[in-house]
Amino acid sequence: MASTKAKGQKGKKGRRPKESIETAIPYALGHETRVEILMALNEGLFTAQELADRLGQTASYVGNHLRWLLEDGSIEIGRKEVRGGTIQYWYKAVEIPVYTPEDAEKMTPLHRKVTVGAITQAGFAEILAALSAGTLSEPDTIVYWDWYNLDAEGQKELDAESHRYLDRLREIEAASTNRRAKSGEDSKSMLVKLDVFPRARKYKNHD
């Protein structure tokens, strides 16, 4: 997501040009193989061969998708080693540190946009993969969206409530970890995605 170039036509030898954040993310999420790659890299570092084995594809096929994702800044090189005269690469998801509101205030607009883009891409890769696998439509799944028309005070209250919600999730996970340490119970990965932001277009009140 680090590129700021506008979308253009394919360059020489089939190479795709660098994309803007707005076009790189839909491209990254626009193919099942790229979605599977992004979801795998959310979990850790993988080589092209390891990803190919995991996806049941050839290394050259997966390598093409990796190259395009890397060129767009959608993924990163996590590690590299020289083996037998060749360089072995391990790929990873774009690293996203935890930022406080104070940290975000100090960022440039582009830095904030790149950070939000990386988070959005990672979350939607998981959602699309779950939709394909059918886990997103299980009976106990919670899926919800809406918008709320708020004054300045309401916006502050929503922000505070969102932070309390995230703190509570961390408490729930810590308690689960402690219980599993005693019981030996396996864990189940549950995706929670929270987005709170002003809408891109204004709309007359629907109160």
C-alpha atoms as a PDB file:
ATOM      1  CA  MET A   1       0.000   0.000   0.000  1.00  0.00           C
ATOM      2  CA  ALA A   2       2.977   2.346   0.036  1.00  0.00           C
ATOM      3  CA  SER A   3       2.580   3.436  -3.583  1.00  0.00           C
ATOM      4  CA  THR A   4       0.880   6.709  -4.489  1.00  0.00           C
ATOM      5  CA  LYS A   5       0.959   6.387  -8.276  1.00  0.00           C
ATOM      6  CA  ALA A   6      -2.322   6.442 -10.163  1.00  0.00           C
ATOM      7  CA  LYS A   7      -3.588   3.347 -11.940  1.00  0.00           C
ATOM      8  CA  GLY A   8      -2.347   2.955 -15.505  1.00  0.00           C
ATOM      9  CA  GLN A   9      -1.961   0.398 -18.256  1.00  0.00           C
ATOM     10  CA  LYS A  10       0.273  -2.668 -18.086  1.00  0.00           C
ATOM     11  CA  GLY A  11       3.943  -1.916 -18.590  1.00  0.00           C
ATOM     12  CA  LYS A  12       6.575  -3.840 -20.508  1.00  0.00           C
ATOM     13  CA  LYS A  13       6.769  -7.627 -20.219  1.00  0.00           C
ATOM     14  CA  GLY A  14       3.350  -7.772 -18.533  1.00  0.00           C
ATOM     15  CA  ARG A  15       4.487  -5.967 -15.391  1.00  0.00           C
ATOM     16  CA  ARG A  16       1.690  -4.130 -13.630  1.00  0.00           C
ATOM     17  CA  PRO A  17       2.343  -0.504 -12.695  1.00  0.00           C
ATOM     18  CA  LYS A  18       2.296   0.606  -9.100  1.00  0.00           C
ATOM     19  CA  GLU A  19      -1.246   1.242  -7.915  1.00  0.00           C
ATOM     20  CA  SER A  20      -2.837   3.871  -5.727  1.00  0.00           C
ATOM     21  CA  ILE A  21      -4.130   2.636  -2.376  1.00  0.00           C
ATOM     22  CA  GLU A  22      -7.704   2.836  -3.646  1.00  0.00           C
ATOM     23  CA  THR A  23      -6.975   0.547  -6.608  1.00  0.00           C
ATOM     24  CA  ALA A  24      -4.299  -1.701  -5.087  1.00  0.00           C
ATOM     25  CA  ILE A  25      -6.633  -3.021  -2.386  1.00  0.00           C
ATOM     26  CA  PRO A  26      -9.488  -4.074  -4.738  1.00  0.00           C
ATOM     27  CA  TYR A  27      -6.892  -5.688  -7.011  1.00  0.00           C
ATOM     28  CA  ALA A  28      -5.345  -7.606  -4.110  1.00  0.00           C
ATOM     29  CA  LEU A  29      -8.779  -8.814  -3.003  1.00  0.00           C
ATOM     30  CA  GLY A  30     -10.052  -9.468  -6.529  1.00  0.00           C
ATOM     31  CA  HIS A  31      -8.728 -13.004  -6.987  1.00  0.00           C
ATOM     32  CA  GLU A  32      -9.234 -16.061  -4.803  1.00  0.00           C
ATOM     33  CA  THR A  33      -5.539 -16.978  -4.875  1.00  0.00           C
ATOM     34  CA  ARG A  34      -4.486 -13.513  -3.716  1.00  0.00           C
ATOM     35  CA  VAL A  35      -7.089 -13.608  -0.950  1.00  0.00           C
ATOM     36  CA  GLU A  36      -5.752 -16.979   0.218  1.00  0.00           C
ATOM     37  CA  ILE A  37      -2.191 -15.637   0.110  1.00  0.00           C
ATOM     38  CA  LEU A  38      -3.124 -12.573   2.157  1.00  0.00           C
ATOM     39  CA  MET A  39      -4.974 -14.689   4.724  1.00  0.00           C
ATOM     40  CA  ALA A  40      -2.014 -17.065   5.073  1.00  0.00           C
ATOM     41  CA  LEU A  41       0.420 -14.178   5.490  1.00  0.00           C
ATOM     42  CA  ASN A  42      -1.780 -12.765   8.270  1.00  0.00           C
ATOM     43  CA  GLU A  43      -0.610 -15.832  10.228  1.00  0.00           C
ATOM     44  CA  GLY A  44       3.134 -15.627   9.586  1.00  0.00           C
ATOM     45  CA  LEU A  45       6.012 -15.806   7.107  1.00  0.00           C
ATOM     46  CA  PHE A  46       5.914 -18.158   4.115  1.00  0.00           C
ATOM     47  CA  THR A  47       8.043 -18.827   1.050  1.00  0.00           C
ATOM     48  CA  ALA A  48       6.445 -19.053  -2.391  1.00  0.00           C
ATOM     49  CA  GLN A  49       6.802 -22.863  -2.276  1.00  0.00           C
ATOM     50  CA  GLU A  50       5.226 -23.090   1.169  1.00  0.00           C
ATOM     51  CA  LEU A  51       2.290 -20.983   0.002  1.00  0.00           C
ATOM     52  CA  ALA A  52       1.991 -23.075  -3.167  1.00  0.00           C
ATOM     53  CA  ASP A  53       1.862 -26.286  -1.115  1.00  0.00           C
ATOM     54  CA  ARG A  54      -0.742 -24.759   1.172  1.00  0.00           C
ATOM     55  CA  LEU A  55      -2.922 -23.571  -1.722  1.00  0.00           C
ATOM     56  CA  GLY A  56      -2.411 -26.640  -3.916  1.00  0.00           C
ATOM     57  CA  GLN A  57      -0.919 -24.544  -6.735  1.00  0.00           C
ATOM     58  CA  THR A  58       2.427 -24.438  -8.521  1.00  0.00           C
ATOM     59  CA  ALA A  59       5.198 -22.228  -7.131  1.00  0.00           C
ATOM     60  CA  SER A  60       5.419 -20.278 -10.406  1.00  0.00           C
ATOM     61  CA  TYR A  61       1.677 -19.510 -10.363  1.00  0.00           C
ATOM     62  CA  VAL A  62       1.756 -18.355  -6.753  1.00  0.00           C
ATOM     63  CA  GLY A  63       4.996 -16.472  -7.429  1.00  0.00           C
ATOM     64  CA  ASN A  64       3.294 -14.326 -10.068  1.00  0.00           C
ATOM     65  CA  HIS A  65       0.616 -13.261  -7.581  1.00  0.00           C
ATOM     66  CA  LEU A  66       3.266 -12.631  -4.934  1.00  0.00           C
ATOM     67  CA  ARG A  67       5.226 -10.413  -7.321  1.00  0.00           C
ATOM     68  CA  TRP A  68       2.172  -8.305  -8.134  1.00  0.00           C
ATOM     69  CA  LEU A  69       1.178  -7.997  -4.471  1.00  0.00           C
ATOM     70  CA  LEU A  70       4.743  -7.027  -3.581  1.00  0.00           C
ATOM     71  CA  GLU A  71       4.960  -4.417  -6.337  1.00  0.00           C
ATOM     72  CA  ASP A  72       1.729  -2.805  -5.114  1.00  0.00           C
ATOM     73  CA  GLY A  73       2.964  -2.743  -1.508  1.00  0.00           C
ATOM     74  CA  SER A  74       0.183  -5.131  -0.435  1.00  0.00           C
ATOM     75  CA  ILE A  75       2.713  -7.513   1.164  1.00  0.00           C
ATOM     76  CA  GLU A  76       6.333  -7.269   2.339  1.00  0.00           C
ATOM     77  CA  ILE A  77       9.544  -9.294   2.377  1.00  0.00           C
ATOM     78  CA  GLY A  78       9.864 -10.625   5.895  1.00  0.00           C
ATOM     79  CA  ARG A  79      13.195 -12.407   5.544  1.00  0.00           C
ATOM     80  CA  LYS A  80      15.694 -13.491   2.925  1.00  0.00           C
ATOM     81  CA  GLU A  81      18.585 -15.942   2.888  1.00  0.00           C
ATOM     82  CA  VAL A  82      21.195 -16.938   0.318  1.00  0.00           C
ATOM     83  CA  ARG A  83      20.924 -20.660  -0.377  1.00  0.00           C
ATOM     84  CA  GLY A  84      23.035 -22.394  -2.983  1.00  0.00           C
ATOM     85  CA  GLY A  85      23.756 -19.185  -4.821  1.00  0.00           C
ATOM     86  CA  THR A  86      20.086 -18.110  -4.946  1.00  0.00           C
ATOM     87  CA  ILE A  87      18.113 -15.828  -2.650  1.00  0.00           C
ATOM     88  CA  GLN A  88      15.225 -17.408  -0.742  1.00  0.00           C
ATOM     89  CA  TYR A  89      12.459 -14.977   0.235  1.00  0.00           C
ATOM     90  CA  TRP A  90       9.889 -15.260   2.994  1.00  0.00           C
ATOM     91  CA  TYR A  91       6.811 -13.063   2.541  1.00  0.00           C
ATOM     92  CA  LYS A  92       4.648 -11.496   5.221  1.00  0.00           C
ATOM     93  CA  ALA A  93       1.611  -9.281   5.626  1.00  0.00           C
ATOM     94  CA  VAL A  94       2.237  -5.553   5.911  1.00  0.00           C
ATOM     95  CA  GLU A  95       3.253  -4.936   9.517  1.00  0.00           C
ATOM     96  CA  ILE A  96       0.778  -2.720  11.352  1.00  0.00           C
ATOM     97  CA  PRO A  97       1.886  -1.397  14.758  1.00  0.00           C
ATOM     98  CA  VAL A  98      -0.696  -0.367  17.320  1.00  0.00           C
ATOM     99  CA  TYR A  99      -1.169   3.401  17.259  1.00  0.00           C
ATOM    100  CA  THR A 100      -2.705   5.555  19.960  1.00  0.00           C
ATOM    101  CA  PRO A 101      -4.938   8.511  18.991  1.00  0.00           C
ATOM    102  CA  GLU A 102      -1.972  10.738  19.862  1.00  0.00           C
ATOM    103  CA  ASP A 103       0.266   8.767  17.484  1.00  0.00           C
ATOM    104  CA  ALA A 104      -2.303   9.101  14.705  1.00  0.00           C
ATOM    105  CA  GLU A 105      -2.459  12.864  15.173  1.00  0.00           C
ATOM    106  CA  LYS A 106       1.280  13.081  14.485  1.00  0.00           C
ATOM    107  CA  MET A 107       1.060  11.073  11.246  1.00  0.00           C
ATOM    108  CA  THR A 108       0.927  12.669   7.832  1.00  0.00           C
ATOM    109  CA  PRO A 109      -2.380  12.162   5.951  1.00  0.00           C
ATOM    110  CA  LEU A 110      -0.632   9.719   3.597  1.00  0.00           C
ATOM    111  CA  HIS A 111       0.817   7.721   6.500  1.00  0.00           C
ATOM    112  CA  ARG A 112      -2.656   7.401   8.026  1.00  0.00           C
ATOM    113  CA  LYS A 113      -4.127   6.394   4.661  1.00  0.00           C
ATOM    114  CA  VAL A 114      -1.489   3.715   4.111  1.00  0.00           C
ATOM    115  CA  THR A 115      -2.017   2.340   7.626  1.00  0.00           C
ATOM    116  CA  VAL A 116      -5.798   2.228   7.283  1.00  0.00           C
ATOM    117  CA  GLY A 117      -5.424   0.632   3.848  1.00  0.00           C
ATOM    118  CA  ALA A 118      -3.265  -2.172   5.247  1.00  0.00           C
ATOM    119  CA  ILE A 119      -5.773  -2.854   8.031  1.00  0.00           C
ATOM    120  CA  THR A 120      -8.709  -2.785   5.618  1.00  0.00           C
ATOM    121  CA  GLN A 121      -7.006  -5.181   3.211  1.00  0.00           C
ATOM    122  CA  ALA A 122      -6.091  -7.676   5.953  1.00  0.00           C
ATOM    123  CA  GLY A 123      -9.598  -7.667   7.415  1.00  0.00           C
ATOM    124  CA  PHE A 124     -11.419  -8.021   4.110  1.00  0.00           C
ATOM    125  CA  ALA A 125      -9.137 -10.853   2.995  1.00  0.00           C
ATOM    126  CA  GLU A 126     -10.316 -12.772   6.053  1.00  0.00           C
ATOM    127  CA  ILE A 127     -13.963 -11.879   5.347  1.00  0.00           C
ATOM    128  CA  LEU A 128     -13.835 -12.954   1.696  1.00  0.00           C
ATOM    129  CA  ALA A 129     -12.088 -16.215   2.603  1.00  0.00           C
ATOM    130  CA  ALA A 130     -14.722 -16.916   5.277  1.00  0.00           C
ATOM    131  CA  LEU A 131     -17.512 -16.126   2.801  1.00  0.00           C
ATOM    132  CA  SER A 132     -16.012 -18.613   0.329  1.00  0.00           C
ATOM    133  CA  ALA A 133     -15.522 -21.265   3.021  1.00  0.00           C
ATOM    134  CA  GLY A 134     -19.055 -20.806   4.377  1.00  0.00           C
ATOM    135  CA  THR A 135     -18.014 -19.905   7.929  1.00  0.00           C
ATOM    136  CA  LEU A 136     -19.322 -16.345   7.495  1.00  0.00           C
ATOM    137  CA  SER A 137     -22.867 -17.688   7.149  1.00  0.00           C
ATOM    138  CA  GLU A 138     -22.864 -20.022  10.165  1.00  0.00           C
ATOM    139  CA  PRO A 139     -25.855 -19.540  12.517  1.00  0.00           C
ATOM    140  CA  ASP A 140     -23.822 -17.959  15.324  1.00  0.00           C
ATOM    141  CA  THR A 141     -22.108 -15.418  13.050  1.00  0.00           C
ATOM    142  CA  ILE A 142     -22.800 -11.744  13.751  1.00  0.00           C
ATOM    143  CA  VAL A 143     -22.741  -9.508  10.676  1.00  0.00           C
ATOM    144  CA  TYR A 144     -23.964  -5.933  10.950  1.00  0.00           C
ATOM    145  CA  TRP A 145     -23.567  -2.504   9.424  1.00  0.00           C
ATOM    146  CA  ASP A 146     -25.416   0.804   9.677  1.00  0.00           C
ATOM    147  CA  TRP A 147     -24.680   4.496   9.998  1.00  0.00           C
ATOM    148  CA  TYR A 148     -25.616   6.879  12.770  1.00  0.00           C
ATOM    149  CA  ASN A 149     -26.152  10.635  12.569  1.00  0.00           C
ATOM    150  CA  LEU A 150     -24.251  12.138  15.515  1.00  0.00           C
ATOM    151  CA  ASP A 151     -23.414  15.569  16.855  1.00  0.00           C
ATOM    152  CA  ALA A 152     -19.927  16.419  18.148  1.00  0.00           C
ATOM    153  CA  GLU A 153     -20.694  15.040  21.625  1.00  0.00           C
ATOM    154  CA  GLY A 154     -22.133  11.843  20.163  1.00  0.00           C
ATOM    155  CA  GLN A 155     -18.976  11.338  18.099  1.00  0.00           C
ATOM    156  CA  LYS A 156     -16.852  11.580  21.257  1.00  0.00           C
ATOM    157  CA  GLU A 157     -19.088   9.073  23.029  1.00  0.00           C
ATOM    158  CA  LEU A 158     -18.883   6.663  20.084  1.00  0.00           C
ATOM    159  CA  ASP A 159     -15.094   6.931  20.042  1.00  0.00           C
ATOM    160  CA  ALA A 160     -14.860   6.226  23.770  1.00  0.00           C
ATOM    161  CA  GLU A 161     -17.266   3.284  23.526  1.00  0.00           C
ATOM    162  CA  SER A 162     -15.262   1.774  20.647  1.00  0.00           C
ATOM    163  CA  HIS A 163     -12.061   1.872  22.717  1.00  0.00           C
ATOM    164  CA  ARG A 164     -13.848   0.269  25.682  1.00  0.00           C
ATOM    165  CA  TYR A 165     -15.104  -2.459  23.369  1.00  0.00           C
ATOM    166  CA  LEU A 166     -11.591  -3.236  22.108  1.00  0.00           C
ATOM    167  CA  ASP A 167     -10.209  -3.268  25.661  1.00  0.00           C
ATOM    168  CA  ARG A 168     -12.955  -5.723  26.650  1.00  0.00           C
ATOM    169  CA  LEU A 169     -12.072  -8.025  23.737  1.00  0.00           C
ATOM    170  CA  ARG A 170      -8.479  -8.179  24.951  1.00  0.00           C
ATOM    171  CA  GLU A 171      -9.718  -9.070  28.444  1.00  0.00           C
ATOM    172  CA  ILE A 172     -11.902 -11.866  27.032  1.00  0.00           C
ATOM    173  CA  GLU A 173      -8.983 -13.302  25.046  1.00  0.00           C
ATOM    174  CA  ALA A 174      -6.658 -13.178  28.085  1.00  0.00           C
ATOM    175  CA  ALA A 175      -9.242 -15.006  30.207  1.00  0.00           C
ATOM    176  CA  SER A 176      -9.699 -17.623  27.466  1.00  0.00           C
ATOM    177  CA  THR A 177      -5.945 -18.157  27.271  1.00  0.00           C
ATOM    178  CA  ASN A 178      -5.750 -18.724  31.034  1.00  0.00           C
ATOM    179  CA  ARG A 179      -8.642 -21.216  30.974  1.00  0.00           C
ATOM    180  CA  ARG A 180      -7.148 -23.143  28.037  1.00  0.00           C
ATOM    181  CA  ALA A 181      -3.809 -23.378  29.829  1.00  0.00           C
ATOM    182  CA  LYS A 182      -5.603 -25.365  32.543  1.00  0.00           C
ATOM    183  CA  SER A 183      -8.142 -27.288  30.475  1.00  0.00           C
ATOM    184  CA  GLY A 184      -6.077 -28.022  27.354  1.00  0.00           C
ATOM    185  CA  GLU A 185      -9.056 -27.011  25.209  1.00  0.00           C
ATOM    186  CA  ASP A 186      -8.275 -26.043  21.616  1.00  0.00           C
ATOM    187  CA  SER A 187      -8.904 -22.456  20.600  1.00  0.00           C
ATOM    188  CA  LYS A 188     -11.070 -21.272  17.723  1.00  0.00           C
ATOM    189  CA  SER A 189      -9.984 -18.191  15.787  1.00  0.00           C
ATOM    190  CA  MET A 190     -12.800 -15.643  15.716  1.00  0.00           C
ATOM    191  CA  LEU A 191     -12.490 -12.605  13.465  1.00  0.00           C
ATOM    192  CA  VAL A 192     -13.701  -9.294  14.878  1.00  0.00           C
ATOM    193  CA  LYS A 193     -13.606  -6.280  12.588  1.00  0.00           C
ATOM    194  CA  LEU A 194     -14.492  -2.805  13.812  1.00  0.00           C
ATOM    195  CA  ASP A 195     -14.722   0.248  11.562  1.00  0.00           C
ATOM    196  CA  VAL A 196     -15.817   3.632  12.853  1.00  0.00           C
ATOM    197  CA  PHE A 197     -15.405   6.503  10.398  1.00  0.00           C
ATOM    198  CA  PRO A 198     -17.259   9.413   8.732  1.00  0.00           C
ATOM    199  CA  ARG A 199     -19.120   8.362   5.597  1.00  0.00           C
ATOM    200  CA  ALA A 200     -17.535   9.349   2.281  1.00  0.00           C
ATOM    201  CA  ARG A 201     -20.684  11.159   1.165  1.00  0.00           C
ATOM    202  CA  LYS A 202     -23.050  13.333   3.101  1.00  0.00           C
ATOM    203  CA  TYR A 203     -26.616  12.200   3.457  1.00  0.00           C
ATOM    204  CA  LYS A 204     -29.644  14.026   4.731  1.00  0.00           C
ATOM    205  CA  ASN A 205     -30.696  12.883   8.170  1.00  0.00           C
ATOM    206  CA  HIS A 206     -32.723   9.679   8.128  1.00  0.00           C
ATOM    207  CA  ASP A 207     -33.706  10.011  11.797  1.00  0.00           C
END
